[in-house]
Amino acid sequence: MAILVTGGSGFIGLELAKALVEKGHEVVLFDVVPPDEGDIKGATYVKGNISDWSEVLNVVHDGKVTDIFHLAAMLSAQCEANPWAAMQVNALGTYHVLEAARLFGVRKVVFSSSQGIYRDVPDGVARDDTPPKPFNIIYAVTKVFGEHLGLYYWKRFGIDFRGVRFAQLIGPGVKSQGFGQFYPRMIESALQGQPFEVWVTEDMSIPLIYLKDAVRFLMGLFEADVDRIKTRIYNSGQILPPFTAGDLLAEIKKYVPHPLITFNPDPERVTSMRTMPRILDDQGARTEWNWSLLYSLEDMVADFVKELRPHSVTGHA
């Protein structure tokens, strides 16, 4: 009996797998690329592509999977570069996971969605019941599809489907290319003494969540008693108070006084990101299963530096 983590070699998948193993769960990581050696102990890696129906069926059946965290996805920049692949991975892949869950009696599927489904929110505050506007970004289109397909499988087949719309994730070790990935790269570049051009303006602010809080959210959502799950798909909330890219740079300078960071805004990315909400309200999760965030901007940067410093070349001045 095992828990399957699709996208298990990825940024959040590995951290989630570690948390699950620490709690005594048997974990199977499913991904097209293996995790780095030593990244995860106590879990089994299975090479596979979420868009390949047979490979998804095999890993769920052979692994005797009882629950699934479906994290595998292409991110925004990758999706815009190849929307056809985005449909195969993000949309068809989610269908494969849900159908395999139905066929093999999987109890629970936890789905990773995104704040990217929200655009041009009238008051700047996206709530759990705020209507999505995904029409201009294929990544968002696939996430809305995944949410609604999961809810259909819950209503039609009784699969305990739960989802989270994450704020922009920030934490060490980001490899994928997304519009908001400049946040972690600012910190990493500063600590490594490397130059980095930020592709937005200094006043850019979007909802963010630290990696460790994101893992806590997934674990809390997974472990919550089913009778407390009313909303089904929840906003994750964000680091509060909201901060700008300039605020992050100021915080970085407490550790690296003269980082090689400059701002060179990309108009297309800036325009896209300015349509995102200012606040990602997490009232549903707080009310229904007692979710709460731990990390402030200061806490996040301090922990990020602690995690990365052994691998960096720049010391605290």
Protein backbone atom coordinates (compact mmCIF):
# COMPACT_ATOMS: atom_id res chain seq x y z
CA MET A 1 0.00 0.00 0.00
CA ALA A 2 1.65 3.22 -1.15
CA ILE A 3 1.13 6.90 -1.79
CA LEU A 4 2.00 7.99 -5.33
CA VAL A 5 3.53 11.41 -5.96
CA THR A 6 3.43 12.36 -9.64
CA GLY A 7 6.11 14.87 -10.51
CA GLY A 8 7.91 13.35 -7.55
CA SER A 9 11.38 14.44 -8.64
CA GLY A 10 10.31 18.06 -8.88
CA PHE A 11 10.68 21.12 -6.70
CA ILE A 12 7.76 20.43 -4.37
CA GLY A 13 7.44 16.69 -5.05
CA LEU A 14 10.71 15.81 -3.33
CA GLU A 15 9.95 17.90 -0.25
CA LEU A 16 6.49 16.38 0.01
CA ALA A 17 7.92 12.87 -0.38
CA LYS A 18 10.35 13.51 2.49
CA ALA A 19 7.48 14.66 4.71
CA LEU A 20 5.43 11.57 3.83
CA VAL A 21 8.34 9.20 4.49
CA GLU A 22 8.99 10.88 7.84
CA LYS A 23 5.38 10.07 8.77
CA GLY A 24 5.92 6.41 7.96
CA HIS A 25 4.21 6.25 4.56
CA GLU A 26 5.40 4.07 1.70
CA VAL A 27 6.01 6.49 -1.17
CA VAL A 28 6.37 6.01 -4.93
CA LEU A 29 7.83 8.86 -6.99
CA PHE A 30 6.66 8.97 -10.61
CA ASP A 31 8.53 11.30 -12.96
CA VAL A 32 10.25 11.45 -16.34
CA VAL A 33 13.57 12.19 -14.65
CA PRO A 34 15.00 10.52 -11.53
CA PRO A 35 15.70 12.50 -8.38
CA ASP A 36 19.32 13.34 -7.69
CA GLU A 37 21.11 10.58 -5.82
CA GLY A 38 20.63 11.02 -2.10
CA ASP A 39 17.74 13.47 -2.49
CA ILE A 40 15.17 11.08 -1.09
CA LYS A 41 15.58 7.99 1.05
CA GLY A 42 12.80 5.58 1.86
CA ALA A 43 10.89 6.17 -1.39
CA THR A 44 10.76 4.20 -4.62
CA TYR A 45 11.33 5.93 -7.95
CA VAL A 46 9.48 4.80 -11.07
CA LYS A 47 10.37 6.38 -14.39
CA GLY A 48 7.30 7.36 -16.36
CA ASN A 49 5.46 10.04 -18.29
CA ILE A 50 2.11 11.27 -16.99
CA SER A 51 0.86 11.68 -20.56
CA ASP A 52 1.44 7.95 -21.26
CA TRP A 53 -1.74 6.11 -20.28
CA SER A 54 -0.10 2.70 -19.93
CA GLU A 55 2.69 3.99 -17.70
CA VAL A 56 0.21 5.67 -15.35
CA LEU A 57 -1.93 2.53 -15.17
CA ASN A 58 1.13 0.40 -14.45
CA VAL A 59 2.51 2.54 -11.63
CA VAL A 60 -0.87 2.76 -9.87
CA HIS A 61 -1.55 -0.96 -10.25
CA ASP A 62 1.93 -2.33 -9.60
CA GLY A 63 2.60 0.03 -6.70
CA LYS A 64 -0.65 -0.94 -4.97
CA VAL A 65 -1.35 2.78 -4.70
CA THR A 66 -4.04 3.86 -2.24
CA ASP A 67 -3.67 7.66 -2.52
CA ILE A 68 -2.21 10.08 -5.08
CA PHE A 69 -0.68 13.53 -4.92
CA HIS A 70 -0.88 14.76 -8.50
CA LEU A 71 1.82 17.42 -8.86
CA ALA A 72 3.19 16.63 -12.34
CA ALA A 73 2.73 19.58 -14.69
CA MET A 74 4.40 21.91 -17.13
CA LEU A 75 4.63 25.46 -15.75
CA SER A 76 3.45 28.70 -17.32
CA ALA A 77 6.45 29.66 -19.45
CA GLN A 78 6.90 26.10 -20.71
CA CYS A 79 3.21 25.86 -21.53
CA GLU A 80 3.20 29.08 -23.54
CA ALA A 81 6.24 27.90 -25.49
CA ASN A 82 4.49 24.62 -26.36
CA PRO A 83 0.73 24.66 -25.70
CA TRP A 84 0.27 21.32 -27.46
CA ALA A 85 2.59 19.60 -25.01
CA ALA A 86 0.84 21.45 -22.19
CA MET A 87 -2.44 19.82 -23.13
CA GLN A 88 -0.85 16.37 -23.22
CA VAL A 89 0.89 16.71 -19.86
CA ASN A 90 -1.39 18.95 -17.82
CA ALA A 91 -4.84 18.07 -19.15
CA LEU A 92 -4.55 14.53 -20.48
CA GLY A 93 -2.16 13.60 -17.67
CA THR A 94 -4.73 14.61 -15.06
CA TYR A 95 -7.38 12.53 -16.80
CA HIS A 96 -4.99 9.54 -16.74
CA VAL A 97 -4.46 9.93 -13.00
CA LEU A 98 -8.17 10.21 -12.21
CA GLU A 99 -9.15 7.33 -14.45
CA ALA A 100 -6.44 5.11 -12.96
CA ALA A 101 -7.73 6.10 -9.52
CA ARG A 102 -11.23 5.02 -10.54
CA LEU A 103 -10.12 1.71 -12.05
CA PHE A 104 -7.92 0.64 -9.15
CA GLY A 105 -9.89 1.94 -6.19
CA VAL A 106 -7.61 4.79 -5.11
CA ARG A 107 -9.15 6.49 -2.10
CA LYS A 108 -7.91 10.05 -2.41
CA VAL A 109 -6.41 12.32 -5.08
CA VAL A 110 -4.84 15.64 -4.04
CA PHE A 111 -4.39 17.97 -7.01
CA SER A 112 -2.02 20.91 -7.33
CA SER A 113 -3.71 23.81 -9.10
CA SER A 114 -2.63 27.44 -9.24
CA GLN A 115 -3.53 31.04 -8.53
CA GLY A 116 -2.85 31.43 -12.25
CA ILE A 117 -6.50 30.62 -12.92
CA TYR A 118 -7.44 34.07 -11.56
CA ARG A 119 -7.12 37.16 -13.74
CA ASP A 120 -8.36 40.73 -13.39
CA VAL A 121 -10.10 40.15 -10.05
CA PRO A 122 -12.26 43.27 -9.47
CA ASP A 123 -11.07 44.08 -5.92
CA GLY A 124 -7.71 42.34 -6.23
CA VAL A 125 -8.75 39.63 -3.75
CA ALA A 126 -9.18 36.08 -5.09
CA ARG A 127 -11.41 33.94 -2.88
CA ASP A 128 -12.14 30.23 -3.16
CA ASP A 129 -15.36 30.97 -5.04
CA THR A 130 -13.96 33.72 -7.30
CA PRO A 131 -14.72 32.74 -10.91
CA PRO A 132 -11.61 31.72 -12.88
CA LYS A 133 -10.53 33.57 -16.01
CA PRO A 134 -8.00 31.26 -17.65
CA PHE A 135 -8.69 32.11 -21.29
CA ASN A 136 -5.41 33.89 -22.14
CA ILE A 137 -2.91 31.44 -20.60
CA ILE A 138 -2.90 27.76 -21.60
CA TYR A 139 -1.38 26.74 -18.24
CA ALA A 140 -4.41 28.22 -16.47
CA VAL A 141 -6.78 26.56 -18.95
CA THR A 142 -5.32 23.14 -18.11
CA LYS A 143 -5.52 23.79 -14.36
CA VAL A 144 -9.19 24.78 -14.52
CA PHE A 145 -9.83 21.65 -16.59
CA GLY A 146 -8.08 19.52 -13.96
CA GLU A 147 -10.09 21.05 -11.14
CA HIS A 148 -13.44 20.46 -12.83
CA LEU A 149 -12.54 16.98 -14.00
CA GLY A 150 -11.52 16.07 -10.44
CA LEU A 151 -14.80 17.40 -9.07
CA TYR A 152 -16.66 15.36 -11.69
CA TYR A 153 -14.82 12.19 -10.59
CA TRP A 154 -15.74 13.00 -6.98
CA LYS A 155 -19.42 13.46 -7.78
CA ARG A 156 -19.70 10.67 -10.35
CA PHE A 157 -17.37 7.99 -8.95
CA GLY A 158 -16.86 8.92 -5.30
CA ILE A 159 -13.13 9.59 -5.47
CA ASP A 160 -12.13 11.87 -2.60
CA PHE A 161 -10.72 14.66 -4.77
CA ARG A 162 -9.09 17.65 -3.06
CA GLY A 163 -7.16 20.53 -4.59
CA VAL A 164 -5.04 23.53 -3.74
CA ARG A 165 -4.58 26.70 -5.76
CA PHE A 166 -1.04 27.58 -4.82
CA ALA A 167 0.37 31.05 -4.70
CA GLN A 168 3.70 31.41 -6.50
CA LEU A 169 6.06 28.94 -4.84
CA ILE A 170 9.39 30.22 -3.56
CA GLY A 171 12.18 28.06 -2.19
CA PRO A 172 15.68 26.74 -2.96
CA GLY A 173 16.28 24.44 -5.90
CA VAL A 174 13.84 25.72 -8.53
CA LYS A 175 14.66 24.34 -11.97
CA SER A 176 11.49 24.87 -14.01
CA GLN A 177 10.86 28.08 -15.93
CA GLY A 178 7.79 29.99 -14.77
CA PHE A 179 6.91 33.67 -14.96
CA GLY A 180 7.32 34.06 -11.20
CA GLN A 181 10.51 32.06 -10.75
CA PHE A 182 12.62 35.21 -10.50
CA TYR A 183 11.85 35.35 -6.75
CA PRO A 184 13.91 32.29 -5.70
CA ARG A 185 16.53 33.02 -8.34
CA MET A 186 17.13 36.45 -6.83
CA ILE A 187 18.09 34.85 -3.52
CA GLU A 188 20.13 32.03 -5.04
CA SER A 189 22.03 34.33 -7.40
CA ALA A 190 22.86 36.74 -4.59
CA LEU A 191 24.19 33.97 -2.33
CA GLN A 192 26.23 32.47 -5.16
CA GLY A 193 27.68 35.80 -6.21
CA GLN A 194 26.16 35.49 -9.66
CA PRO A 195 24.58 38.31 -11.69
CA PHE A 196 20.84 38.09 -12.31
CA GLU A 197 18.46 40.25 -14.31
CA VAL A 198 14.96 40.39 -12.86
CA TRP A 199 12.37 40.45 -15.64
CA VAL A 200 9.79 42.54 -13.78
CA THR A 201 9.67 45.99 -12.19
CA GLU A 202 10.71 46.59 -8.58
CA ASP A 203 7.11 47.27 -7.56
CA MET A 204 5.85 43.90 -8.83
CA SER A 205 3.88 42.04 -6.17
CA ILE A 206 2.01 38.76 -6.50
CA PRO A 207 0.90 36.24 -3.87
CA LEU A 208 3.78 33.99 -2.75
CA ILE A 209 4.10 30.96 -0.50
CA TYR A 210 7.28 29.44 0.88
CA LEU A 211 8.01 25.84 -0.13
CA LYS A 212 7.82 24.52 3.44
CA ASP A 213 4.41 26.09 3.98
CA ALA A 214 3.27 24.61 0.65
CA VAL A 215 4.25 21.12 1.83
CA ARG A 216 2.47 21.75 5.13
CA PHE A 217 -0.65 22.72 3.17
CA LEU A 218 -0.57 19.53 1.11
CA MET A 219 -0.09 17.39 4.21
CA GLY A 220 -2.86 19.18 6.10
CA LEU A 221 -5.27 18.90 3.20
CA PHE A 222 -4.47 15.21 2.78
CA GLU A 223 -4.87 14.41 6.47
CA ALA A 224 -8.04 16.43 7.10
CA ASP A 225 -11.10 14.32 7.96
CA VAL A 226 -13.41 14.03 4.99
CA ASP A 227 -16.35 15.53 6.89
CA ARG A 228 -14.34 18.78 7.21
CA ILE A 229 -13.72 19.06 3.48
CA LYS A 230 -16.51 21.26 2.13
CA THR A 231 -14.89 23.59 -0.38
CA ARG A 232 -12.82 20.80 -2.02
CA ILE A 233 -10.46 23.17 -3.87
CA TYR A 234 -8.78 25.73 -1.64
CA ASN A 235 -6.59 28.79 -2.04
CA SER A 236 -3.28 28.34 -0.24
CA GLY A 237 -3.00 31.88 1.09
CA GLN A 238 0.27 33.79 0.85
CA ILE A 239 3.12 35.34 2.76
CA LEU A 240 1.76 38.36 4.58
CA PRO A 241 1.95 41.26 4.37
CA PRO A 242 2.33 41.26 0.56
CA PHE A 243 5.76 42.40 -0.63
CA THR A 244 7.34 43.57 -3.87
CA ALA A 245 10.39 42.40 -5.76
CA GLY A 246 12.11 45.50 -4.39
CA ASP A 247 11.18 44.50 -0.83
CA LEU A 248 12.69 41.07 -1.42
CA LEU A 249 15.90 42.66 -2.68
CA ALA A 250 16.09 44.81 0.46
CA GLU A 251 15.71 41.68 2.61
CA ILE A 252 18.39 39.87 0.61
CA LYS A 253 20.79 42.75 1.29
CA LYS A 254 20.70 41.90 4.99
CA TYR A 255 22.68 38.79 4.05
CA VAL A 256 24.48 39.93 0.89
CA PRO A 257 24.96 43.72 1.03
CA HIS A 258 25.94 44.10 -2.63
CA PRO A 259 24.11 41.46 -4.69
CA LEU A 260 24.61 41.47 -8.46
CA ILE A 261 20.88 41.90 -9.11
CA THR A 262 19.46 44.34 -11.66
CA PHE A 263 15.98 44.95 -13.02
CA ASN A 264 15.30 44.66 -16.74
CA PRO A 265 11.52 44.33 -17.13
CA ASP A 266 10.09 42.16 -19.89
CA PRO A 267 6.89 43.96 -20.99
CA GLU A 268 5.06 40.74 -21.89
CA ARG A 269 5.74 39.10 -18.54
CA VAL A 270 5.02 42.27 -16.60
CA THR A 271 1.69 42.73 -18.38
CA SER A 272 0.69 39.13 -17.72
CA MET A 273 1.65 39.20 -14.05
CA ARG A 274 -0.14 42.48 -13.40
CA THR A 275 -3.44 40.77 -14.15
CA MET A 276 -2.92 38.40 -11.20
CA PRO A 277 -4.66 38.96 -7.85
CA ARG A 278 -3.04 40.98 -5.08
CA ILE A 279 -4.39 38.74 -2.32
CA LEU A 280 -5.05 34.98 -2.43
CA ASP A 281 -7.58 34.55 0.35
CA ASP A 282 -7.34 31.23 2.24
CA GLN A 283 -10.39 31.57 4.48
CA GLY A 284 -11.85 28.24 3.39
CA ALA A 285 -8.84 26.20 4.50
CA ARG A 286 -8.49 28.20 7.72
CA THR A 287 -12.13 27.69 8.64
CA GLU A 288 -12.66 24.11 7.54
CA TRP A 289 -9.46 22.36 8.64
CA ASN A 290 -7.49 24.92 10.67
CA TRP A 291 -4.84 25.81 8.11
CA SER A 292 -2.37 28.56 9.01
CA LEU A 293 0.80 29.92 7.44
CA LEU A 294 4.10 30.01 9.34
CA TYR A 295 6.54 31.99 7.19
CA SER A 296 6.77 35.77 6.85
CA LEU A 297 9.10 37.45 4.33
CA GLU A 298 11.83 37.67 6.97
CA ASP A 299 11.35 34.06 8.10
CA MET A 300 11.30 32.82 4.52
CA VAL A 301 14.53 34.54 3.46
CA ALA A 302 16.30 33.50 6.67
CA ASP A 303 15.32 29.85 6.18
CA PHE A 304 16.11 29.96 2.45
CA VAL A 305 19.60 31.28 3.24
CA LYS A 306 20.12 28.62 5.92
CA GLU A 307 19.09 25.87 3.48
CA LEU A 308 21.24 27.16 0.62
CA ARG A 309 24.28 28.60 2.39
CA PRO A 310 26.25 25.31 2.65
CA HIS A 311 26.17 25.21 -1.17
CA SER A 312 26.85 28.91 -1.80
CA VAL A 313 30.09 30.81 -2.17
CA THR A 314 29.09 34.13 -0.64
CA GLY A 315 29.26 34.66 3.11
CA HIS A 316 27.38 37.05 5.37
CA ALA A 317 29.11 40.39 5.32
